[in-house]
Amino acid sequence: MRPAHFVHTLQAAPGQGKGPDDLIQAVYQPVIVSKLPKPYINVRSESKLYVLPPQWDAAKYLANSTGSGKPARRGSAGFSYLSVLQYSSKAGAPERAVAQHIDKAFRDPKSTKPENPKKSVPGYDVNRPLHRTNDAKRKNDNRRKSISQCVKYWGKGYSQGKKFDCDEFPFASTYEGAAQRDYDNSAMENNFSVLPIPSKENQAGGTLLQSFYAKHRILNGTDDAFVVRIN
């Protein structure tokens, strides 16, 4: 018997979703019903397959935001899964210093700067993921707070002639960044880590982060989330 192949295409027209990203979220569970032909009598089977959580968005900061001249086809589809950003701490990895910094923040947060004996940075535990922010002011506030801490602990010359950048985790492009406390009074003060690392490796980590945002269509706000893993 030849295997059967089925294609079921679901499309959502833009303008039906919620919020500025025009987000539509759904649950999809196909049901397969089979019935044998004669001479078999009343032989019927029904099976519920996997559950998929599709979503559609037309975020202006992600690909196909205009539909390439066809507004009715703007946006794209994806799935409401918790995405995982992978960084490598292996020798030779372009982002190695970033990965090592994040790994230390996860494993030994109390040893990182700024000092906080109760520090427990989010981003590893799936119950405490990170959320992207596309707010330029908030990202700038996160960066300013991070840089001020690098200056505090390593001095104004921490960059050593722009050879080093002030790396921060959680990322400045997340709600959980260094200035989170300024926006959320319930957030812990100084629950982040900063460390001067080689500029080239910091930039490589940033490039991977932006690529991750684009590829996985990570949305601004709490409707989407992601975690980080270090290899």
C-alpha atoms as a PDB file:
ATOM      1  CA  MET A   1       0.000   0.000   0.000  1.00  0.00           C
ATOM      2  CA  ARG A   2       1.311   3.392  -0.945  1.00  0.00           C
ATOM      3  CA  PRO A   3       1.676   5.889   1.916  1.00  0.00           C
ATOM      4  CA  ALA A   4      -0.803   8.754   1.932  1.00  0.00           C
ATOM      5  CA  HIS A   5       0.300  12.358   2.071  1.00  0.00           C
ATOM      6  CA  PHE A   6      -1.963  15.196   3.146  1.00  0.00           C
ATOM      7  CA  VAL A   7      -1.428  18.931   2.972  1.00  0.00           C
ATOM      8  CA  HIS A   8      -3.719  21.254   4.908  1.00  0.00           C
ATOM      9  CA  THR A   9      -3.049  24.937   4.377  1.00  0.00           C
ATOM     10  CA  LEU A  10      -4.376  27.462   6.888  1.00  0.00           C
ATOM     11  CA  GLN A  11      -4.219  31.150   6.106  1.00  0.00           C
ATOM     12  CA  ALA A  12      -5.114  34.138   8.235  1.00  0.00           C
ATOM     13  CA  ALA A  13      -5.729  37.485   6.599  1.00  0.00           C
ATOM     14  CA  PRO A  14      -4.010  40.466   8.245  1.00  0.00           C
ATOM     15  CA  GLY A  15      -6.137  42.853  10.251  1.00  0.00           C
ATOM     16  CA  GLN A  16      -7.888  40.201  12.362  1.00  0.00           C
ATOM     17  CA  GLY A  17      -5.345  39.955  15.167  1.00  0.00           C
ATOM     18  CA  LYS A  18      -4.750  41.804  18.407  1.00  0.00           C
ATOM     19  CA  GLY A  19      -2.306  44.526  19.337  1.00  0.00           C
ATOM     20  CA  PRO A  20       0.190  46.422  17.206  1.00  0.00           C
ATOM     21  CA  ASP A  21       1.675  43.154  15.885  1.00  0.00           C
ATOM     22  CA  ASP A  22      -1.727  41.971  14.601  1.00  0.00           C
ATOM     23  CA  LEU A  23      -1.232  38.658  16.430  1.00  0.00           C
ATOM     24  CA  ILE A  24      -3.506  35.658  15.940  1.00  0.00           C
ATOM     25  CA  GLN A  25      -2.942  32.535  18.041  1.00  0.00           C
ATOM     26  CA  ALA A  26      -4.727  29.209  17.637  1.00  0.00           C
ATOM     27  CA  VAL A  27      -4.656  25.512  18.460  1.00  0.00           C
ATOM     28  CA  TYR A  28      -4.715  23.007  15.616  1.00  0.00           C
ATOM     29  CA  GLN A  29      -5.380  19.284  16.074  1.00  0.00           C
ATOM     30  CA  PRO A  30      -6.100  17.274  12.916  1.00  0.00           C
ATOM     31  CA  VAL A  31      -8.385  14.235  13.106  1.00  0.00           C
ATOM     32  CA  ILE A  32      -7.885  11.385  10.648  1.00  0.00           C
ATOM     33  CA  VAL A  33     -10.894   9.176   9.895  1.00  0.00           C
ATOM     34  CA  SER A  34     -10.493   6.005   7.853  1.00  0.00           C
ATOM     35  CA  LYS A  35     -13.155   3.606   6.562  1.00  0.00           C
ATOM     36  CA  LEU A  36     -12.364   0.361   4.799  1.00  0.00           C
ATOM     37  CA  PRO A  37     -14.148  -0.464   1.511  1.00  0.00           C
ATOM     38  CA  LYS A  38     -16.307  -3.484   0.824  1.00  0.00           C
ATOM     39  CA  PRO A  39     -16.364  -6.356   1.636  1.00  0.00           C
ATOM     40  CA  TYR A  40     -15.468  -4.947   5.059  1.00  0.00           C
ATOM     41  CA  ILE A  41     -18.544  -3.841   7.006  1.00  0.00           C
ATOM     42  CA  ASN A  42     -18.597  -0.953   9.499  1.00  0.00           C
ATOM     43  CA  VAL A  43     -14.831  -0.915   9.888  1.00  0.00           C
ATOM     44  CA  ARG A  44     -14.004   2.641  10.783  1.00  0.00           C
ATOM     45  CA  SER A  45     -11.220   4.219  12.800  1.00  0.00           C
ATOM     46  CA  GLU A  46     -10.666   7.750  14.030  1.00  0.00           C
ATOM     47  CA  SER A  47      -7.413   9.150  15.371  1.00  0.00           C
ATOM     48  CA  LYS A  48      -6.539  12.527  16.861  1.00  0.00           C
ATOM     49  CA  LEU A  49      -3.017  13.470  15.896  1.00  0.00           C
ATOM     50  CA  TYR A  50      -0.514  15.884  17.399  1.00  0.00           C
ATOM     51  CA  VAL A  51      -1.516  19.331  18.662  1.00  0.00           C
ATOM     52  CA  LEU A  52       0.111  22.339  17.007  1.00  0.00           C
ATOM     53  CA  PRO A  53      -0.108  25.968  18.219  1.00  0.00           C
ATOM     54  CA  PRO A  54       0.080  28.068  15.029  1.00  0.00           C
ATOM     55  CA  GLN A  55       0.216  31.826  15.128  1.00  0.00           C
ATOM     56  CA  TRP A  56       0.216  34.630  12.589  1.00  0.00           C
ATOM     57  CA  ASP A  57       1.593  38.141  12.949  1.00  0.00           C
ATOM     58  CA  ALA A  58       2.249  41.236  10.871  1.00  0.00           C
ATOM     59  CA  ALA A  59       4.837  42.868  13.126  1.00  0.00           C
ATOM     60  CA  LYS A  60       6.345  45.932  11.477  1.00  0.00           C
ATOM     61  CA  TYR A  61       9.863  45.095  12.744  1.00  0.00           C
ATOM     62  CA  LEU A  62       9.889  41.570  11.244  1.00  0.00           C
ATOM     63  CA  ALA A  63      10.152  40.256   7.690  1.00  0.00           C
ATOM     64  CA  ASN A  64       7.312  40.770   5.184  1.00  0.00           C
ATOM     65  CA  SER A  65       5.765  43.563   7.231  1.00  0.00           C
ATOM     66  CA  THR A  66       4.388  45.178   4.049  1.00  0.00           C
ATOM     67  CA  GLY A  67       3.660  42.119   1.896  1.00  0.00           C
ATOM     68  CA  SER A  68       6.061  43.392  -0.793  1.00  0.00           C
ATOM     69  CA  GLY A  69       3.419  45.669  -2.229  1.00  0.00           C
ATOM     70  CA  LYS A  70       0.539  43.302  -1.434  1.00  0.00           C
ATOM     71  CA  PRO A  71      -0.897  44.439   1.926  1.00  0.00           C
ATOM     72  CA  ALA A  72      -3.321  41.488   2.056  1.00  0.00           C
ATOM     73  CA  ARG A  73      -0.320  39.138   2.199  1.00  0.00           C
ATOM     74  CA  ARG A  74       1.746  40.979   4.800  1.00  0.00           C
ATOM     75  CA  GLY A  75       3.060  39.171   7.843  1.00  0.00           C
ATOM     76  CA  SER A  76       3.968  35.527   8.325  1.00  0.00           C
ATOM     77  CA  ALA A  77       3.103  32.357  10.234  1.00  0.00           C
ATOM     78  CA  GLY A  78       4.930  30.527  13.005  1.00  0.00           C
ATOM     79  CA  PHE A  79       4.284  28.478  16.113  1.00  0.00           C
ATOM     80  CA  SER A  80       3.693  29.458  19.737  1.00  0.00           C
ATOM     81  CA  TYR A  81       6.637  27.463  21.026  1.00  0.00           C
ATOM     82  CA  LEU A  82       9.184  28.580  23.602  1.00  0.00           C
ATOM     83  CA  SER A  83      12.191  29.272  21.386  1.00  0.00           C
ATOM     84  CA  VAL A  84      15.741  28.457  22.487  1.00  0.00           C
ATOM     85  CA  LEU A  85      18.718  30.689  21.717  1.00  0.00           C
ATOM     86  CA  GLN A  86      21.918  28.626  21.503  1.00  0.00           C
ATOM     87  CA  TYR A  87      25.347  30.075  22.261  1.00  0.00           C
ATOM     88  CA  SER A  88      28.629  28.170  22.222  1.00  0.00           C
ATOM     89  CA  SER A  89      31.411  28.463  24.804  1.00  0.00           C
ATOM     90  CA  LYS A  90      33.688  26.098  22.867  1.00  0.00           C
ATOM     91  CA  ALA A  91      37.164  27.236  21.830  1.00  0.00           C
ATOM     92  CA  GLY A  92      37.018  29.074  18.526  1.00  0.00           C
ATOM     93  CA  ALA A  93      33.334  30.010  18.745  1.00  0.00           C
ATOM     94  CA  PRO A  94      32.962  33.664  17.623  1.00  0.00           C
ATOM     95  CA  GLU A  95      30.621  34.411  20.552  1.00  0.00           C
ATOM     96  CA  ARG A  96      32.596  32.422  23.146  1.00  0.00           C
ATOM     97  CA  ALA A  97      33.089  35.270  25.654  1.00  0.00           C
ATOM     98  CA  VAL A  98      29.368  36.067  25.564  1.00  0.00           C
ATOM     99  CA  ALA A  99      28.514  32.417  26.185  1.00  0.00           C
ATOM    100  CA  GLN A 100      30.985  32.166  29.070  1.00  0.00           C
ATOM    101  CA  HIS A 101      29.561  35.299  30.657  1.00  0.00           C
ATOM    102  CA  ILE A 102      25.979  34.039  30.427  1.00  0.00           C
ATOM    103  CA  ASP A 103      27.000  30.619  31.715  1.00  0.00           C
ATOM    104  CA  LYS A 104      28.592  32.217  34.774  1.00  0.00           C
ATOM    105  CA  ALA A 105      25.487  34.347  35.355  1.00  0.00           C
ATOM    106  CA  PHE A 106      23.384  31.171  35.342  1.00  0.00           C
ATOM    107  CA  ARG A 107      25.709  28.991  37.434  1.00  0.00           C
ATOM    108  CA  ASP A 108      27.190  31.482  39.901  1.00  0.00           C
ATOM    109  CA  PRO A 109      25.143  34.691  39.791  1.00  0.00           C
ATOM    110  CA  LYS A 110      26.361  35.946  43.182  1.00  0.00           C
ATOM    111  CA  SER A 111      29.916  36.207  41.840  1.00  0.00           C
ATOM    112  CA  THR A 112      28.893  38.587  39.046  1.00  0.00           C
ATOM    113  CA  LYS A 113      28.619  42.370  39.006  1.00  0.00           C
ATOM    114  CA  PRO A 114      26.738  44.357  40.173  1.00  0.00           C
ATOM    115  CA  GLU A 115      26.765  42.830  43.634  1.00  0.00           C
ATOM    116  CA  ASN A 116      23.539  41.260  44.829  1.00  0.00           C
ATOM    117  CA  PRO A 117      23.580  38.290  47.242  1.00  0.00           C
ATOM    118  CA  LYS A 118      20.064  37.326  46.154  1.00  0.00           C
ATOM    119  CA  LYS A 119      20.740  37.541  42.423  1.00  0.00           C
ATOM    120  CA  SER A 120      19.019  34.926  40.258  1.00  0.00           C
ATOM    121  CA  VAL A 121      19.044  35.975  36.616  1.00  0.00           C
ATOM    122  CA  PRO A 122      16.180  34.793  34.401  1.00  0.00           C
ATOM    123  CA  GLY A 123      16.571  33.264  30.967  1.00  0.00           C
ATOM    124  CA  TYR A 124      17.434  29.643  31.742  1.00  0.00           C
ATOM    125  CA  ASP A 125      14.391  28.359  33.616  1.00  0.00           C
ATOM    126  CA  VAL A 126      11.426  27.886  31.264  1.00  0.00           C
ATOM    127  CA  ASN A 127       9.260  29.335  34.031  1.00  0.00           C
ATOM    128  CA  ARG A 128      11.373  32.522  33.995  1.00  0.00           C
ATOM    129  CA  PRO A 129      12.054  33.184  30.320  1.00  0.00           C
ATOM    130  CA  LEU A 130      13.109  36.382  28.581  1.00  0.00           C
ATOM    131  CA  HIS A 131      10.799  38.696  26.655  1.00  0.00           C
ATOM    132  CA  ARG A 132      11.873  40.873  23.766  1.00  0.00           C
ATOM    133  CA  THR A 133      11.375  44.620  23.891  1.00  0.00           C
ATOM    134  CA  ASN A 134      11.315  46.701  20.739  1.00  0.00           C
ATOM    135  CA  ASP A 135      11.023  49.941  22.698  1.00  0.00           C
ATOM    136  CA  ALA A 136      14.040  52.093  21.795  1.00  0.00           C
ATOM    137  CA  LYS A 137      13.913  54.064  25.057  1.00  0.00           C
ATOM    138  CA  ARG A 138      13.789  50.961  27.210  1.00  0.00           C
ATOM    139  CA  LYS A 139      16.683  49.373  25.319  1.00  0.00           C
ATOM    140  CA  ASN A 140      18.717  52.573  25.747  1.00  0.00           C
ATOM    141  CA  ASP A 141      17.862  52.677  29.453  1.00  0.00           C
ATOM    142  CA  ASN A 142      19.047  49.081  29.791  1.00  0.00           C
ATOM    143  CA  ARG A 143      22.327  49.939  28.057  1.00  0.00           C
ATOM    144  CA  ARG A 144      22.923  53.059  30.153  1.00  0.00           C
ATOM    145  CA  LYS A 145      22.365  51.128  33.364  1.00  0.00           C
ATOM    146  CA  SER A 146      24.710  48.353  32.236  1.00  0.00           C
ATOM    147  CA  ILE A 147      27.479  50.720  31.157  1.00  0.00           C
ATOM    148  CA  SER A 148      27.232  52.655  34.429  1.00  0.00           C
ATOM    149  CA  GLN A 149      27.936  49.410  36.279  1.00  0.00           C
ATOM    150  CA  CYS A 150      30.926  48.579  34.071  1.00  0.00           C
ATOM    151  CA  VAL A 151      32.300  52.037  34.845  1.00  0.00           C
ATOM    152  CA  LYS A 152      31.606  51.544  38.556  1.00  0.00           C
ATOM    153  CA  TYR A 153      33.486  48.242  38.835  1.00  0.00           C
ATOM    154  CA  TRP A 154      36.140  48.505  36.111  1.00  0.00           C
ATOM    155  CA  GLY A 155      36.549  52.263  35.732  1.00  0.00           C
ATOM    156  CA  LYS A 156      35.978  54.647  32.851  1.00  0.00           C
ATOM    157  CA  GLY A 157      38.744  52.972  30.881  1.00  0.00           C
ATOM    158  CA  TYR A 158      37.135  49.523  30.948  1.00  0.00           C
ATOM    159  CA  SER A 159      37.019  49.471  27.123  1.00  0.00           C
ATOM    160  CA  GLN A 160      40.842  49.784  26.871  1.00  0.00           C
ATOM    161  CA  GLY A 161      40.615  51.862  23.738  1.00  0.00           C
ATOM    162  CA  LYS A 162      37.421  50.192  22.430  1.00  0.00           C
ATOM    163  CA  LYS A 163      38.967  46.731  22.613  1.00  0.00           C
ATOM    164  CA  PHE A 164      36.292  45.670  25.102  1.00  0.00           C
ATOM    165  CA  ASP A 165      32.518  46.169  25.258  1.00  0.00           C
ATOM    166  CA  CYS A 166      30.310  46.177  28.327  1.00  0.00           C
ATOM    167  CA  ASP A 167      28.386  42.944  27.872  1.00  0.00           C
ATOM    168  CA  GLU A 168      25.121  42.581  29.787  1.00  0.00           C
ATOM    169  CA  PHE A 169      22.787  39.746  30.578  1.00  0.00           C
ATOM    170  CA  PRO A 170      19.821  39.627  30.388  1.00  0.00           C
ATOM    171  CA  PHE A 171      20.121  41.358  27.035  1.00  0.00           C
ATOM    172  CA  ALA A 172      19.404  45.066  26.658  1.00  0.00           C
ATOM    173  CA  SER A 173      16.732  44.140  24.106  1.00  0.00           C
ATOM    174  CA  THR A 174      14.641  42.318  26.739  1.00  0.00           C
ATOM    175  CA  TYR A 175      12.153  43.391  29.377  1.00  0.00           C
ATOM    176  CA  GLU A 176      14.419  41.733  31.935  1.00  0.00           C
ATOM    177  CA  GLY A 177      17.379  43.999  31.067  1.00  0.00           C
ATOM    178  CA  ALA A 178      19.380  46.060  33.538  1.00  0.00           C
ATOM    179  CA  ALA A 179      16.761  48.831  33.900  1.00  0.00           C
ATOM    180  CA  GLN A 180      13.860  46.454  34.600  1.00  0.00           C
ATOM    181  CA  ARG A 181      13.469  47.820  38.121  1.00  0.00           C
ATOM    182  CA  ASP A 182      12.848  51.309  36.685  1.00  0.00           C
ATOM    183  CA  TYR A 183       9.798  49.962  34.855  1.00  0.00           C
ATOM    184  CA  ASP A 184       8.593  47.340  37.327  1.00  0.00           C
ATOM    185  CA  ASN A 185       8.702  48.026  41.058  1.00  0.00           C
ATOM    186  CA  SER A 186       8.229  44.348  41.826  1.00  0.00           C
ATOM    187  CA  ALA A 187      11.454  43.414  40.002  1.00  0.00           C
ATOM    188  CA  MET A 188      14.605  42.712  41.996  1.00  0.00           C
ATOM    189  CA  GLU A 189      17.226  45.457  42.025  1.00  0.00           C
ATOM    190  CA  ASN A 190      20.529  44.622  40.292  1.00  0.00           C
ATOM    191  CA  ASN A 191      19.298  41.259  39.030  1.00  0.00           C
ATOM    192  CA  PHE A 192      21.583  41.267  36.005  1.00  0.00           C
ATOM    193  CA  SER A 193      25.241  40.786  35.159  1.00  0.00           C
ATOM    194  CA  VAL A 194      27.775  42.957  33.353  1.00  0.00           C
ATOM    195  CA  LEU A 195      31.302  42.148  32.231  1.00  0.00           C
ATOM    196  CA  PRO A 196      33.788  43.790  29.855  1.00  0.00           C
ATOM    197  CA  ILE A 197      34.522  41.272  27.086  1.00  0.00           C
ATOM    198  CA  PRO A 198      36.385  41.490  23.753  1.00  0.00           C
ATOM    199  CA  SER A 199      34.403  43.724  21.420  1.00  0.00           C
ATOM    200  CA  LYS A 200      34.591  41.310  18.487  1.00  0.00           C
ATOM    201  CA  GLU A 201      33.053  38.469  20.494  1.00  0.00           C
ATOM    202  CA  ASN A 202      30.383  40.741  21.930  1.00  0.00           C
ATOM    203  CA  GLN A 203      29.415  41.883  18.439  1.00  0.00           C
ATOM    204  CA  ALA A 204      29.273  38.263  17.257  1.00  0.00           C
ATOM    205  CA  GLY A 205      26.893  37.450  20.090  1.00  0.00           C
ATOM    206  CA  GLY A 206      24.727  40.423  19.177  1.00  0.00           C
ATOM    207  CA  THR A 207      24.573  39.353  15.549  1.00  0.00           C
ATOM    208  CA  LEU A 208      23.433  35.876  16.572  1.00  0.00           C
ATOM    209  CA  LEU A 209      20.779  37.390  18.828  1.00  0.00           C
ATOM    210  CA  GLN A 210      19.346  39.573  16.063  1.00  0.00           C
ATOM    211  CA  SER A 211      19.363  36.636  13.654  1.00  0.00           C
ATOM    212  CA  PHE A 212      17.545  34.550  16.262  1.00  0.00           C
ATOM    213  CA  TYR A 213      14.877  37.246  16.689  1.00  0.00           C
ATOM    214  CA  ALA A 214      14.305  37.362  12.937  1.00  0.00           C
ATOM    215  CA  LYS A 215      14.365  33.621  12.248  1.00  0.00           C
ATOM    216  CA  HIS A 216      12.007  32.718  15.094  1.00  0.00           C
ATOM    217  CA  ARG A 217       9.860  35.852  14.697  1.00  0.00           C
ATOM    218  CA  ILE A 218      10.268  36.736  18.361  1.00  0.00           C
ATOM    219  CA  LEU A 219       7.609  39.304  19.167  1.00  0.00           C
ATOM    220  CA  ASN A 220       7.761  42.336  21.402  1.00  0.00           C
ATOM    221  CA  GLY A 221       6.072  41.898  24.769  1.00  0.00           C
ATOM    222  CA  THR A 222       4.810  39.090  26.963  1.00  0.00           C
ATOM    223  CA  ASP A 223       2.913  37.185  24.248  1.00  0.00           C
ATOM    224  CA  ASP A 224       6.229  35.628  23.260  1.00  0.00           C
ATOM    225  CA  ALA A 225       9.270  34.385  25.189  1.00  0.00           C
ATOM    226  CA  PHE A 226      12.559  32.558  24.850  1.00  0.00           C
ATOM    227  CA  VAL A 227      15.320  30.944  26.898  1.00  0.00           C
ATOM    228  CA  VAL A 228      19.086  30.671  26.436  1.00  0.00           C
ATOM    229  CA  ARG A 229      21.232  27.547  26.410  1.00  0.00           C
ATOM    230  CA  ILE A 230      25.026  27.353  26.438  1.00  0.00           C
ATOM    231  CA  ASN A 231      26.751  24.547  24.546  1.00  0.00           C
END
